[in-house]
PDB file of N, CA and C in Angstrom:
ATOM      1  N   MET A   1      36.631  -7.374  -4.172  1.00  0.00           N
ATOM      2  CA  MET A   1      36.863  -6.385  -3.630  1.00  0.00           C
ATOM      3  C   MET A   1      35.944  -5.971  -2.615  1.00  0.00           C
ATOM      4  N   PRO A   2      36.584  -5.514  -1.423  1.00  0.00           N
ATOM      5  CA  PRO A   2      35.984  -5.051  -0.282  1.00  0.00           C
ATOM      6  C   PRO A   2      34.691  -4.036  -0.304  1.00  0.00           C
ATOM      7  N   ARG A   3      34.194  -4.695   0.585  1.00  0.00           N
ATOM      8  CA  ARG A   3      32.624  -3.555   0.643  1.00  0.00           C
ATOM      9  C   ARG A   3      33.376  -2.669   1.328  1.00  0.00           C
ATOM     10  N   VAL A   4      32.646  -1.225   1.109  1.00  0.00           N
ATOM     11  CA  VAL A   4      33.038   0.361   1.181  1.00  0.00           C
ATOM     12  C   VAL A   4      32.001   0.267   2.251  1.00  0.00           C
ATOM     13  N   SER A   5      31.845   0.764   3.573  1.00  0.00           N
ATOM     14  CA  SER A   5      31.101   1.350   4.535  1.00  0.00           C
ATOM     15  C   SER A   5      30.422   2.604   3.890  1.00  0.00           C
ATOM     16  N   ARG A   6      28.685   3.063   3.882  1.00  0.00           N
ATOM     17  CA  ARG A   6      28.418   3.918   3.629  1.00  0.00           C
ATOM     18  C   ARG A   6      28.717   5.313   4.367  1.00  0.00           C
ATOM     19  N   LEU A   7      29.211   4.672   5.916  1.00  0.00           N
ATOM     20  CA  LEU A   7      29.119   5.356   7.422  1.00  0.00           C
ATOM     21  C   LEU A   7      30.527   6.731   6.567  1.00  0.00           C
ATOM     22  N   ARG A   8      31.305   6.005   5.829  1.00  0.00           N
ATOM     23  CA  ARG A   8      32.506   6.546   5.492  1.00  0.00           C
ATOM     24  C   ARG A   8      31.835   8.036   5.007  1.00  0.00           C
ATOM     25  N   ASN A   9      31.227   8.175   4.137  1.00  0.00           N
ATOM     26  CA  ASN A   9      31.293   9.409   3.023  1.00  0.00           C
ATOM     27  C   ASN A   9      29.935  10.239   3.924  1.00  0.00           C
ATOM     28  N   LEU A  10      29.252   9.903   5.104  1.00  0.00           N
ATOM     29  CA  LEU A  10      28.430  10.424   5.976  1.00  0.00           C
ATOM     30  C   LEU A  10      29.433  11.779   6.772  1.00  0.00           C
ATOM     31  N   SER A  11      28.660  12.762   6.806  1.00  0.00           N
ATOM     32  CA  SER A  11      29.459  13.874   7.823  1.00  0.00           C
ATOM     33  C   SER A  11      28.785  13.634   9.211  1.00  0.00           C
ATOM     34  N   ALA A  12      29.496  14.134  10.121  1.00  0.00           N
ATOM     35  CA  ALA A  12      29.539  13.834  11.368  1.00  0.00           C
ATOM     36  C   ALA A  12      28.164  14.441  11.826  1.00  0.00           C
ATOM     37  N   GLU A  13      27.498  14.976  11.364  1.00  0.00           N
ATOM     38  CA  GLU A  13      25.747  15.445  11.690  1.00  0.00           C
ATOM     39  C   GLU A  13      25.163  14.499  11.236  1.00  0.00           C
ATOM     40  N   GLU A  14      25.354  14.089   9.958  1.00  0.00           N
ATOM     41  CA  GLU A  14      24.721  12.743   9.755  1.00  0.00           C
ATOM     42  C   GLU A  14      24.656  11.662  10.611  1.00  0.00           C
ATOM     43  N   LYS A  15      26.419  11.155  10.688  1.00  0.00           N
ATOM     44  CA  LYS A  15      26.334   9.927  11.820  1.00  0.00           C
ATOM     45  C   LYS A  15      25.837   9.915  13.213  1.00  0.00           C
ATOM     46  N   ASN A  16      26.118  11.702  13.636  1.00  0.00           N
ATOM     47  CA  ASN A  16      24.903  11.383  15.077  1.00  0.00           C
ATOM     48  C   ASN A  16      23.338  11.543  15.018  1.00  0.00           C
ATOM     49  N   THR A  17      23.000  11.875  14.009  1.00  0.00           N
ATOM     50  CA  THR A  17      21.710  11.442  13.219  1.00  0.00           C
ATOM     51  C   THR A  17      21.259   9.919  13.896  1.00  0.00           C
ATOM     52  N   ILE A  18      22.206   9.228  12.907  1.00  0.00           N
ATOM     53  CA  ILE A  18      22.107   7.400  12.663  1.00  0.00           C
ATOM     54  C   ILE A  18      22.127   7.055  14.439  1.00  0.00           C
ATOM     55  N   ALA A  19      23.188   7.908  15.076  1.00  0.00           N
ATOM     56  CA  ALA A  19      23.331   7.365  16.151  1.00  0.00           C
ATOM     57  C   ALA A  19      22.172   7.206  17.200  1.00  0.00           C
ATOM     58  N   LEU A  20      21.277   8.567  16.914  1.00  0.00           N
ATOM     59  CA  LEU A  20      20.340   9.007  17.973  1.00  0.00           C
ATOM     60  C   LEU A  20      19.175   8.146  17.488  1.00  0.00           C
ATOM     61  N   GLY A  21      19.057   7.631  16.322  1.00  0.00           N
ATOM     62  CA  GLY A  21      18.127   7.208  16.131  1.00  0.00           C
ATOM     63  C   GLY A  21      18.070   5.648  16.343  1.00  0.00           C
ATOM     64  N   LYS A  22      19.446   5.412  16.568  1.00  0.00           N
ATOM     65  CA  LYS A  22      19.590   3.725  17.286  1.00  0.00           C
ATOM     66  C   LYS A  22      19.270   3.750  18.394  1.00  0.00           C
ATOM     67  N   ARG A  23      19.608   4.839  19.529  1.00  0.00           N
ATOM     68  CA  ARG A  23      19.459   5.173  20.872  1.00  0.00           C
ATOM     69  C   ARG A  23      18.180   5.260  20.924  1.00  0.00           C
ATOM     70  N   LEU A  24      17.350   5.924  20.142  1.00  0.00           N
ATOM     71  CA  LEU A  24      15.766   6.254  20.449  1.00  0.00           C
ATOM     72  C   LEU A  24      14.883   4.649  20.184  1.00  0.00           C
ATOM     73  N   ALA A  25      15.349   3.913  19.360  1.00  0.00           N
ATOM     74  CA  ALA A  25      15.038   2.416  18.973  1.00  0.00           C
ATOM     75  C   ALA A  25      15.448   1.561  19.881  1.00  0.00           C
ATOM     76  N   GLU A  26      16.268   1.647  20.712  1.00  0.00           N
ATOM     77  CA  GLU A  26      16.892   0.929  21.735  1.00  0.00           C
ATOM     78  C   GLU A  26      15.961   1.215  23.349  1.00  0.00           C
ATOM     79  N   LEU A  27      16.158   2.359  22.880  1.00  0.00           N
ATOM     80  CA  LEU A  27      15.109   2.535  24.617  1.00  0.00           C
ATOM     81  C   LEU A  27      13.838   2.743  24.353  1.00  0.00           C
ATOM     82  N   ARG A  28      12.976   2.735  23.212  1.00  0.00           N
ATOM     83  CA  ARG A  28      11.807   2.538  22.648  1.00  0.00           C
ATOM     84  C   ARG A  28      11.583   0.672  23.183  1.00  0.00           C
ATOM     85  N   LYS A  29      12.379   0.192  22.439  1.00  0.00           N
ATOM     86  CA  LYS A  29      12.396  -1.684  22.449  1.00  0.00           C
ATOM     87  C   LYS A  29      12.392  -2.032  24.311  1.00  0.00           C
ATOM     88  N   LYS A  30      13.462  -1.561  24.926  1.00  0.00           N
ATOM     89  CA  LYS A  30      13.769  -1.684  26.377  1.00  0.00           C
ATOM     90  C   LYS A  30      12.381  -1.261  27.007  1.00  0.00           C
ATOM     91  N   ARG A  31      11.980  -0.364  27.128  1.00  0.00           N
ATOM     92  CA  ARG A  31      10.406   0.318  27.618  1.00  0.00           C
ATOM     93  C   ARG A  31       9.114  -0.649  26.675  1.00  0.00           C
ATOM     94  N   GLY A  32       9.267  -2.056  25.924  1.00  0.00           N
ATOM     95  CA  GLY A  32       8.399  -2.482  25.615  1.00  0.00           C
ATOM     96  C   GLY A  32       7.435  -1.661  24.602  1.00  0.00           C
ATOM     97  N   HIS A  33       7.704  -0.766  23.847  1.00  0.00           N
ATOM     98  CA  HIS A  33       6.826  -0.347  23.090  1.00  0.00           C
ATOM     99  C   HIS A  33       6.867  -0.574  21.763  1.00  0.00           C
ATOM    100  N   THR A  34       5.880  -0.736  21.004  1.00  0.00           N
ATOM    101  CA  THR A  34       5.976  -0.844  19.320  1.00  0.00           C
ATOM    102  C   THR A  34       6.204   0.529  19.078  1.00  0.00           C
ATOM    103  N   GLN A  35       6.934   0.823  17.379  1.00  0.00           N
ATOM    104  CA  GLN A  35       6.718   2.280  17.180  1.00  0.00           C
ATOM    105  C   GLN A  35       5.068   2.426  17.116  1.00  0.00           C
ATOM    106  N   ILE A  36       4.678   1.591  16.488  1.00  0.00           N
ATOM    107  CA  ILE A  36       3.146   2.220  16.400  1.00  0.00           C
ATOM    108  C   ILE A  36       2.667   2.397  17.857  1.00  0.00           C
ATOM    109  N   GLU A  37       2.660   2.261  19.289  1.00  0.00           N
ATOM    110  CA  GLU A  37       2.567   2.781  20.060  1.00  0.00           C
ATOM    111  C   GLU A  37       3.030   3.617  20.536  1.00  0.00           C
ATOM    112  N   LEU A  38       4.432   3.893  20.236  1.00  0.00           N
ATOM    113  CA  LEU A  38       5.462   5.088  20.391  1.00  0.00           C
ATOM    114  C   LEU A  38       4.477   6.563  20.093  1.00  0.00           C
ATOM    115  N   ALA A  39       3.920   5.816  18.203  1.00  0.00           N
ATOM    116  CA  ALA A  39       3.975   7.393  17.326  1.00  0.00           C
ATOM    117  C   ALA A  39       2.208   7.497  17.794  1.00  0.00           C
ATOM    118  N   GLN A  40       1.463   6.504  18.752  1.00  0.00           N
ATOM    119  CA  GLN A  40      -0.176   7.063  18.810  1.00  0.00           C
ATOM    120  C   GLN A  40       0.405   8.010  20.206  1.00  0.00           C
ATOM    121  N   LYS A  41       1.558   7.510  21.098  1.00  0.00           N
ATOM    122  CA  LYS A  41       1.599   8.064  22.424  1.00  0.00           C
ATOM    123  C   LYS A  41       2.003  10.066  22.019  1.00  0.00           C
ATOM    124  N   MET A  42       3.025  10.009  21.078  1.00  0.00           N
ATOM    125  CA  MET A  42       2.970  11.413  20.354  1.00  0.00           C
ATOM    126  C   MET A  42       2.280  12.003  19.594  1.00  0.00           C
ATOM    127  N   ASN A  43       1.356  11.239  18.904  1.00  0.00           N
ATOM    128  CA  ASN A  43       0.428  12.066  18.039  1.00  0.00           C
ATOM    129  C   ASN A  43       0.939  12.019  16.776  1.00  0.00           C
ATOM    130  N   LEU A  44       1.687  10.661  16.405  1.00  0.00           N
ATOM    131  CA  LEU A  44       2.701  10.855  14.889  1.00  0.00           C
ATOM    132  C   LEU A  44       2.072   9.504  14.380  1.00  0.00           C
ATOM    133  N   ILE A  45       2.487   8.987  13.541  1.00  0.00           N
ATOM    134  CA  ILE A  45       1.980   8.023  12.525  1.00  0.00           C
ATOM    135  C   ILE A  45       3.998   7.179  12.446  1.00  0.00           C
ATOM    136  N   GLN A  46       3.150   5.966  12.319  1.00  0.00           N
ATOM    137  CA  GLN A  46       4.313   5.232  12.650  1.00  0.00           C
ATOM    138  C   GLN A  46       5.718   4.913  11.642  1.00  0.00           C
ATOM    139  N   SER A  47       5.370   5.571  10.327  1.00  0.00           N
ATOM    140  CA  SER A  47       6.262   6.211   9.721  1.00  0.00           C
ATOM    141  C   SER A  47       7.284   7.053   9.922  1.00  0.00           C
ATOM    142  N   VAL A  48       6.789   7.675  11.053  1.00  0.00           N
ATOM    143  CA  VAL A  48       7.827   9.020  11.201  1.00  0.00           C
ATOM    144  C   VAL A  48       8.801   8.531  12.235  1.00  0.00           C
ATOM    145  N   ILE A  49       8.483   7.585  13.115  1.00  0.00           N
ATOM    146  CA  ILE A  49       9.106   7.164  14.539  1.00  0.00           C
ATOM    147  C   ILE A  49       9.979   5.920  13.622  1.00  0.00           C
ATOM    148  N   SER A  50       9.868   5.488  12.361  1.00  0.00           N
ATOM    149  CA  SER A  50      11.095   4.866  11.838  1.00  0.00           C
ATOM    150  C   SER A  50      11.870   5.505  10.992  1.00  0.00           C
ATOM    151  N   ALA A  51      11.203   6.829  10.704  1.00  0.00           N
ATOM    152  CA  ALA A  51      12.537   7.117   9.976  1.00  0.00           C
ATOM    153  C   ALA A  51      13.400   8.163  10.845  1.00  0.00           C
ATOM    154  N   TYR A  52      12.976   8.423  12.005  1.00  0.00           N
ATOM    155  CA  TYR A  52      13.757   8.972  12.938  1.00  0.00           C
ATOM    156  C   TYR A  52      14.705   8.107  13.585  1.00  0.00           C
ATOM    157  N   GLU A  53      13.764   6.538  13.697  1.00  0.00           N
ATOM    158  CA  GLU A  53      15.149   5.650  14.077  1.00  0.00           C
ATOM    159  C   GLU A  53      16.020   5.528  13.488  1.00  0.00           C
ATOM    160  N   ARG A  54      15.861   5.418  11.978  1.00  0.00           N
ATOM    161  CA  ARG A  54      16.947   5.202  10.742  1.00  0.00           C
ATOM    162  C   ARG A  54      17.700   6.129  10.540  1.00  0.00           C
ATOM    163  N   GLY A  55      17.513   7.320  11.643  1.00  0.00           N
ATOM    164  CA  GLY A  55      18.379   8.573  11.172  1.00  0.00           C
ATOM    165  C   GLY A  55      17.915   9.078   9.486  1.00  0.00           C
ATOM    166  N   ARG A  56      17.072   9.339   9.254  1.00  0.00           N
ATOM    167  CA  ARG A  56      16.626   9.873   7.959  1.00  0.00           C
ATOM    168  C   ARG A  56      15.898  11.263   8.372  1.00  0.00           C
ATOM    169  N   ILE A  57      15.510  11.410   8.992  1.00  0.00           N
ATOM    170  CA  ILE A  57      15.064  12.946  10.161  1.00  0.00           C
ATOM    171  C   ILE A  57      16.305  13.546  11.031  1.00  0.00           C
ATOM    172  N   ARG A  58      16.243  14.841  10.878  1.00  0.00           N
ATOM    173  CA  ARG A  58      17.242  15.221  11.910  1.00  0.00           C
ATOM    174  C   ARG A  58      16.093  15.538  13.232  1.00  0.00           C
ATOM    175  N   MET A  59      16.426  15.171  14.183  1.00  0.00           N
ATOM    176  CA  MET A  59      15.650  15.663  15.648  1.00  0.00           C
ATOM    177  C   MET A  59      15.643  17.232  15.776  1.00  0.00           C
ATOM    178  N   THR A  60      14.582  17.943  16.313  1.00  0.00           N
ATOM    179  CA  THR A  60      14.380  18.942  16.609  1.00  0.00           C
ATOM    180  C   THR A  60      14.950  19.063  18.192  1.00  0.00           C
ATOM    181  N   SER A  61      14.867  19.722  18.840  1.00  0.00           N
ATOM    182  CA  SER A  61      15.079  19.847  20.041  1.00  0.00           C
ATOM    183  C   SER A  61      13.573  19.700  21.057  1.00  0.00           C
ATOM    184  N   GLU A  62      12.374  20.341  20.067  1.00  0.00           N
ATOM    185  CA  GLU A  62      11.334  19.911  20.294  1.00  0.00           C
ATOM    186  C   GLU A  62      10.935  18.768  20.359  1.00  0.00           C
ATOM    187  N   VAL A  63      11.162  18.098  19.325  1.00  0.00           N
ATOM    188  CA  VAL A  63      10.687  16.625  19.435  1.00  0.00           C
ATOM    189  C   VAL A  63      11.521  15.672  20.130  1.00  0.00           C
ATOM    190  N   LEU A  64      13.022  16.362  20.372  1.00  0.00           N
ATOM    191  CA  LEU A  64      13.516  15.284  21.400  1.00  0.00           C
ATOM    192  C   LEU A  64      12.941  15.414  23.011  1.00  0.00           C
ATOM    193  N   ILE A  65      12.518  16.346  23.028  1.00  0.00           N
ATOM    194  CA  ILE A  65      12.034  16.664  24.525  1.00  0.00           C
ATOM    195  C   ILE A  65      10.458  15.776  24.319  1.00  0.00           C
ATOM    196  N   GLN A  66       9.751  15.628  23.382  1.00  0.00           N
ATOM    197  CA  GLN A  66       8.559  14.845  23.483  1.00  0.00           C
ATOM    198  C   GLN A  66       8.872  13.507  23.665  1.00  0.00           C
ATOM    199  N   PHE A  67       9.983  13.096  22.686  1.00  0.00           N
ATOM    200  CA  PHE A  67      10.664  11.839  22.622  1.00  0.00           C
ATOM    201  C   PHE A  67      10.786  11.384  24.456  1.00  0.00           C
ATOM    202  N   CYS A  68      11.543  12.337  24.812  1.00  0.00           N
ATOM    203  CA  CYS A  68      12.063  11.954  26.254  1.00  0.00           C
ATOM    204  C   CYS A  68      10.988  11.542  26.841  1.00  0.00           C
ATOM    205  N   SER A  69       9.963  12.778  27.379  1.00  0.00           N
ATOM    206  CA  SER A  69       8.547  12.570  27.964  1.00  0.00           C
ATOM    207  C   SER A  69       8.154  11.292  27.316  1.00  0.00           C
ATOM    208  N   ALA A  70       7.948  10.989  26.248  1.00  0.00           N
ATOM    209  CA  ALA A  70       7.206   9.739  25.769  1.00  0.00           C
ATOM    210  C   ALA A  70       7.781   8.396  26.394  1.00  0.00           C
ATOM    211  N   LEU A  71       8.997   8.100  26.754  1.00  0.00           N
ATOM    212  CA  LEU A  71       9.800   7.351  27.100  1.00  0.00           C
ATOM    213  C   LEU A  71      10.379   7.172  28.391  1.00  0.00           C
ATOM    214  N   ASN A  72      10.019   8.592  28.652  1.00  0.00           N
ATOM    215  CA  ASN A  72      10.215   8.974  30.224  1.00  0.00           C
ATOM    216  C   ASN A  72      12.119   8.474  30.535  1.00  0.00           C
ATOM    217  N   VAL A  73      12.582   9.410  29.602  1.00  0.00           N
ATOM    218  CA  VAL A  73      14.291   9.587  29.856  1.00  0.00           C
ATOM    219  C   VAL A  73      14.418  11.098  29.761  1.00  0.00           C
ATOM    220  N   THR A  74      15.498  11.290  29.904  1.00  0.00           N
ATOM    221  CA  THR A  74      16.469  12.527  29.757  1.00  0.00           C
ATOM    222  C   THR A  74      16.838  12.643  28.549  1.00  0.00           C
ATOM    223  N   PRO A  75      16.778  14.228  27.915  1.00  0.00           N
ATOM    224  CA  PRO A  75      17.851  14.570  27.146  1.00  0.00           C
ATOM    225  C   PRO A  75      18.774  13.741  26.921  1.00  0.00           C
ATOM    226  N   SER A  76      19.707  14.133  27.960  1.00  0.00           N
ATOM    227  CA  SER A  76      20.933  13.206  28.161  1.00  0.00           C
ATOM    228  C   SER A  76      21.043  11.675  27.598  1.00  0.00           C
ATOM    229  N   VAL A  77      19.998  11.078  28.664  1.00  0.00           N
ATOM    230  CA  VAL A  77      19.941   9.942  28.177  1.00  0.00           C
ATOM    231  C   VAL A  77      19.856   9.479  26.586  1.00  0.00           C
ATOM    232  N   LEU A  78      18.835   9.874  25.805  1.00  0.00           N
ATOM    233  CA  LEU A  78      18.507   9.952  24.807  1.00  0.00           C
ATOM    234  C   LEU A  78      20.029  10.458  23.788  1.00  0.00           C
ATOM    235  N   LEU A  79      20.362  11.628  24.124  1.00  0.00           N
ATOM    236  CA  LEU A  79      21.689  12.175  23.602  1.00  0.00           C
ATOM    237  C   LEU A  79      22.836  11.113  23.845  1.00  0.00           C
ATOM    238  N   GLY A  80      22.864  10.176  24.574  1.00  0.00           N
ATOM    239  CA  GLY A  80      23.648   9.397  25.038  1.00  0.00           C
ATOM    240  C   GLY A  80      25.085   9.951  26.119  1.00  0.00           C
ATOM    241  N   ILE A  81      24.548  11.193  26.882  1.00  0.00           N
ATOM    242  CA  ILE A  81      25.639  11.539  27.521  1.00  0.00           C
ATOM    243  C   ILE A  81      25.500  11.037  28.776  1.00  0.00           C
ATOM    244  N   GLU A  82      24.835  10.556  29.184  1.00  0.00           N
ATOM    245  CA  GLU A  82      24.537  10.181  30.777  1.00  0.00           C
ATOM    246  C   GLU A  82      23.484   8.868  30.564  1.00  0.00           C
ATOM    247  N   SER A  83      23.988   7.738  31.528  1.00  0.00           N
ATOM    248  CA  SER A  83      22.847   6.442  31.711  1.00  0.00           C
ATOM    249  C   SER A  83      21.898   7.041  32.410  1.00  0.00           C
ATOM    250  N   GLU A  84      20.967   6.102  31.953  1.00  0.00           N
ATOM    251  CA  GLU A  84      19.411   6.140  32.622  1.00  0.00           C
ATOM    252  C   GLU A  84      19.696   5.921  34.039  1.00  0.00           C
ATOM    253  N   ASN A  85      20.581   5.413  34.893  1.00  0.00           N
ATOM    254  CA  ASN A  85      20.690   5.396  36.431  1.00  0.00           C
ATOM    255  C   ASN A  85      20.994   7.073  36.721  1.00  0.00           C
ATOM    256  N   GLU A  86      21.784   7.539  36.184  1.00  0.00           N
ATOM    257  CA  GLU A  86      22.421   8.977  36.125  1.00  0.00           C
ATOM    258  C   GLU A  86      21.331  10.151  36.343  1.00  0.00           C
ATOM    259  N   SER A  87      20.228   9.815  35.688  1.00  0.00           N
ATOM    260  CA  SER A  87      19.070  10.725  35.149  1.00  0.00           C
ATOM    261  C   SER A  87      17.686  11.111  35.672  1.00  0.00           C
ATOM    262  N   GLU A  88      17.587  10.246  37.032  1.00  0.00           N
ATOM    263  CA  GLU A  88      16.611  10.495  37.488  1.00  0.00           C
ATOM    264  C   GLU A  88      16.044  11.561  38.148  1.00  0.00           C
ATOM    265  N   LEU A  89      16.949  12.766  38.843  1.00  0.00           N
ATOM    266  CA  LEU A  89      16.863  14.233  38.520  1.00  0.00           C
ATOM    267  C   LEU A  89      16.425  14.967  37.357  1.00  0.00           C
ATOM    268  N   SER A  90      16.962  14.701  36.469  1.00  0.00           N
ATOM    269  CA  SER A  90      16.963  15.516  34.992  1.00  0.00           C
ATOM    270  C   SER A  90      15.648  14.939  34.710  1.00  0.00           C
ATOM    271  N   LEU A  91      15.232  13.744  34.922  1.00  0.00           N
ATOM    272  CA  LEU A  91      13.723  13.496  34.463  1.00  0.00           C
ATOM    273  C   LEU A  91      13.145  14.441  34.837  1.00  0.00           C
ATOM    274  N   LYS A  92      12.711  14.791  36.177  1.00  0.00           N
ATOM    275  CA  LYS A  92      11.997  15.779  36.783  1.00  0.00           C
ATOM    276  C   LYS A  92      12.072  16.905  36.581  1.00  0.00           C
ATOM    277  N   ILE A  93      12.907  17.870  36.159  1.00  0.00           N
ATOM    278  CA  ILE A  93      13.407  18.523  35.405  1.00  0.00           C
ATOM    279  C   ILE A  93      13.032  18.867  33.990  1.00  0.00           C
ATOM    280  N   VAL A  94      13.273  17.592  32.858  1.00  0.00           N
ATOM    281  CA  VAL A  94      12.449  17.611  31.624  1.00  0.00           C
ATOM    282  C   VAL A  94      10.654  17.869  31.765  1.00  0.00           C
ATOM    283  N   LYS A  95      10.095  17.233  32.917  1.00  0.00           N
ATOM    284  CA  LYS A  95       8.994  17.084  33.111  1.00  0.00           C
ATOM    285  C   LYS A  95       8.561  18.361  32.926  1.00  0.00           C
ATOM    286  N   ARG A  96       9.045  19.720  34.121  1.00  0.00           N
ATOM    287  CA  ARG A  96       8.666  20.437  34.260  1.00  0.00           C
ATOM    288  C   ARG A  96       8.652  21.701  33.330  1.00  0.00           C
ATOM    289  N   MET A  97       9.826  21.292  32.144  1.00  0.00           N
ATOM    290  CA  MET A  97       9.945  22.264  31.474  1.00  0.00           C
ATOM    291  C   MET A  97       8.915  21.559  30.302  1.00  0.00           C
ATOM    292  N   LEU A  98       8.518  20.728  30.040  1.00  0.00           N
ATOM    293  CA  LEU A  98       7.258  20.437  29.347  1.00  0.00           C
ATOM    294  C   LEU A  98       5.871  21.197  29.989  1.00  0.00           C
ATOM    295  N   LYS A  99       5.751  21.345  31.314  1.00  0.00           N
ATOM    296  CA  LYS A  99       4.572  22.186  31.810  1.00  0.00           C
ATOM    297  C   LYS A  99       4.786  23.235  31.638  1.00  0.00           C
ATOM    298  N   ILE A 100       6.111  23.872  31.907  1.00  0.00           N
ATOM    299  CA  ILE A 100       6.062  25.550  31.794  1.00  0.00           C
ATOM    300  C   ILE A 100       6.282  26.202  30.179  1.00  0.00           C
ATOM    301  N   GLN A 101       6.309  25.249  29.305  1.00  0.00           N
ATOM    302  CA  GLN A 101       5.959  25.670  27.675  1.00  0.00           C
ATOM    303  C   GLN A 101       4.590  25.462  27.763  1.00  0.00           C
ATOM    304  N   GLN A 102       3.862  24.999  28.325  1.00  0.00           N
ATOM    305  CA  GLN A 102       2.479  25.144  28.129  1.00  0.00           C
ATOM    306  C   GLN A 102       1.857  26.378  29.000  1.00  0.00           C
ATOM    307  N   LEU A 103       2.833  27.323  29.896  1.00  0.00           N
ATOM    308  CA  LEU A 103       2.386  28.463  30.598  1.00  0.00           C
ATOM    309  C   LEU A 103       2.236  29.665  29.414  1.00  0.00           C
ATOM    310  N   PRO A 104       1.681  30.660  29.652  1.00  0.00           N
ATOM    311  CA  PRO A 104       1.940  31.938  29.155  1.00  0.00           C
ATOM    312  C   PRO A 104       3.008  32.531  29.000  1.00  0.00           C
ATOM    313  N   LEU A 105       3.436  33.317  27.603  1.00  0.00           N
ATOM    314  CA  LEU A 105       4.893  33.681  27.541  1.00  0.00           C
ATOM    315  C   LEU A 105       5.625  34.460  28.748  1.00  0.00           C
ATOM    316  N   SER A 106       4.232  35.247  28.999  1.00  0.00           N
ATOM    317  CA  SER A 106       4.675  36.332  30.527  1.00  0.00           C
ATOM    318  C   SER A 106       5.341  35.616  31.430  1.00  0.00           C
ATOM    319  N   LYS A 107       4.363  34.494  31.777  1.00  0.00           N
ATOM    320  CA  LYS A 107       4.691  33.874  33.249  1.00  0.00           C
ATOM    321  C   LYS A 107       5.974  32.564  33.234  1.00  0.00           C
ATOM    322  N   GLN A 108       6.171  32.695  31.709  1.00  0.00           N
ATOM    323  CA  GLN A 108       7.308  32.240  31.478  1.00  0.00           C
ATOM    324  C   GLN A 108       8.554  32.725  31.883  1.00  0.00           C
ATOM    325  N   LYS A 109       8.669  33.920  31.327  1.00  0.00           N
ATOM    326  CA  LYS A 109       9.775  34.742  31.573  1.00  0.00           C
ATOM    327  C   LYS A 109       9.904  35.071  33.230  1.00  0.00           C
ATOM    328  N   ARG A 110       8.309  35.694  34.080  1.00  0.00           N
ATOM    329  CA  ARG A 110       8.799  35.425  35.043  1.00  0.00           C
ATOM    330  C   ARG A 110       9.509  34.401  35.837  1.00  0.00           C
ATOM    331  N   LEU A 111       8.945  32.900  35.564  1.00  0.00           N
ATOM    332  CA  LEU A 111       9.599  31.952  36.360  1.00  0.00           C
ATOM    333  C   LEU A 111      11.019  31.801  35.950  1.00  0.00           C
ATOM    334  N   PHE A 112      11.534  32.311  34.820  1.00  0.00           N
ATOM    335  CA  PHE A 112      12.975  31.907  34.110  1.00  0.00           C
ATOM    336  C   PHE A 112      13.592  32.834  35.010  1.00  0.00           C
ATOM    337  N   ALA A 113      13.347  34.374  35.440  1.00  0.00           N
ATOM    338  CA  ALA A 113      13.839  35.285  36.216  1.00  0.00           C
ATOM    339  C   ALA A 113      14.157  34.401  37.522  1.00  0.00           C
ATOM    340  N   THR A 114      12.985  34.081  38.189  1.00  0.00           N
ATOM    341  CA  THR A 114      13.273  33.585  39.342  1.00  0.00           C
ATOM    342  C   THR A 114      14.418  32.638  39.485  1.00  0.00           C
ATOM    343  N   ILE A 115      14.403  31.604  38.210  1.00  0.00           N
ATOM    344  CA  ILE A 115      15.446  30.781  38.277  1.00  0.00           C
ATOM    345  C   ILE A 115      16.741  31.276  38.207  1.00  0.00           C
ATOM    346  N   ASP A 116      16.605  32.367  37.502  1.00  0.00           N
ATOM    347  CA  ASP A 116      18.387  33.037  37.302  1.00  0.00           C
ATOM    348  C   ASP A 116      18.553  33.492  38.453  1.00  0.00           C
ATOM    349  N   ASP A 117      17.842  34.123  38.974  1.00  0.00           N
ATOM    350  CA  ASP A 117      18.132  34.956  40.579  1.00  0.00           C
ATOM    351  C   ASP A 117      18.641  33.375  41.371  1.00  0.00           C
ATOM    352  N   THR A 118      18.374  32.499  41.433  1.00  0.00           N
ATOM    353  CA  THR A 118      18.310  31.764  42.630  1.00  0.00           C
ATOM    354  C   THR A 118      19.692  30.901  42.114  1.00  0.00           C
ATOM    355  N   LEU A 119      20.084  30.649  40.870  1.00  0.00           N
ATOM    356  CA  LEU A 119      21.670  30.509  40.158  1.00  0.00           C
ATOM    357  C   LEU A 119      22.639  31.286  40.549  1.00  0.00           C
ATOM    358  N   LYS A 120      22.087  32.875  40.038  1.00  0.00           N
ATOM    359  CA  LYS A 120      23.106  33.309  40.445  1.00  0.00           C
ATOM    360  C   LYS A 120      23.614  33.742  42.278  1.00  0.00           C
ATOM    361  N   ALA A 121      22.570  33.879  42.577  1.00  0.00           N
ATOM    362  CA  ALA A 121      22.268  33.750  44.686  1.00  0.00           C
ATOM    363  C   ALA A 121      23.705  32.819  45.055  1.00  0.00           C
ATOM    364  N   ASN A 122      23.877  31.334  44.149  1.00  0.00           N
ATOM    365  CA  ASN A 122      24.359  30.624  44.439  1.00  0.00           C
ATOM    366  C   ASN A 122      25.464  30.164  43.552  1.00  0.00           C
ATOM    367  N   ASP A 123      25.539  31.770  42.883  1.00  0.00           N
ATOM    368  CA  ASP A 123      27.176  31.768  41.810  1.00  0.00           C
ATOM    369  C   ASP A 123      26.943  30.213  40.785  1.00  0.00           C
ATOM    370  N   LEU A 124      26.190  30.055  40.311  1.00  0.00           N
ATOM    371  CA  LEU A 124      26.002  29.217  39.092  1.00  0.00           C
ATOM    372  C   LEU A 124      25.883  29.883  38.030  1.00  0.00           C
ATOM    373  N   LEU A 125      25.344  31.173  37.870  1.00  0.00           N
ATOM    374  CA  LEU A 125      25.187  32.034  36.919  1.00  0.00           C
ATOM    375  C   LEU A 125      25.806  33.067  36.988  1.00  0.00           C
ATOM    376  N   PRO A 126      26.676  33.764  35.649  1.00  0.00           N
ATOM    377  CA  PRO A 126      27.130  35.292  36.103  1.00  0.00           C
ATOM    378  C   PRO A 126      26.332  36.490  36.237  1.00  0.00           C
TER     379      PRO A 126
END
């Protein structure tokens, strides 16, 4: 009797979570980190890193950004949207977003208003 793949019964979201975990593991290994080293960098425990890499835990946007910062990649690279070569400028944006998150909310709002004004002036926002 032929073996049936367990992936067939998974939802698209579950398949995406597994694929994201595989990319996470590949990027971690490519950078020469163990799961323990990455966990220490992120103030997590190794079993949590393992669970993300195996697709057992769905990644929130905040955790995705933290992984990107720890691995020095952009979200689009971790998500498989673009290659690492395409992402140098995007990485600068991610690093700045992490810094912006540390600002008080009032300063964040002012900064985003300035960004929106600049984008509107260049016809990049309605």
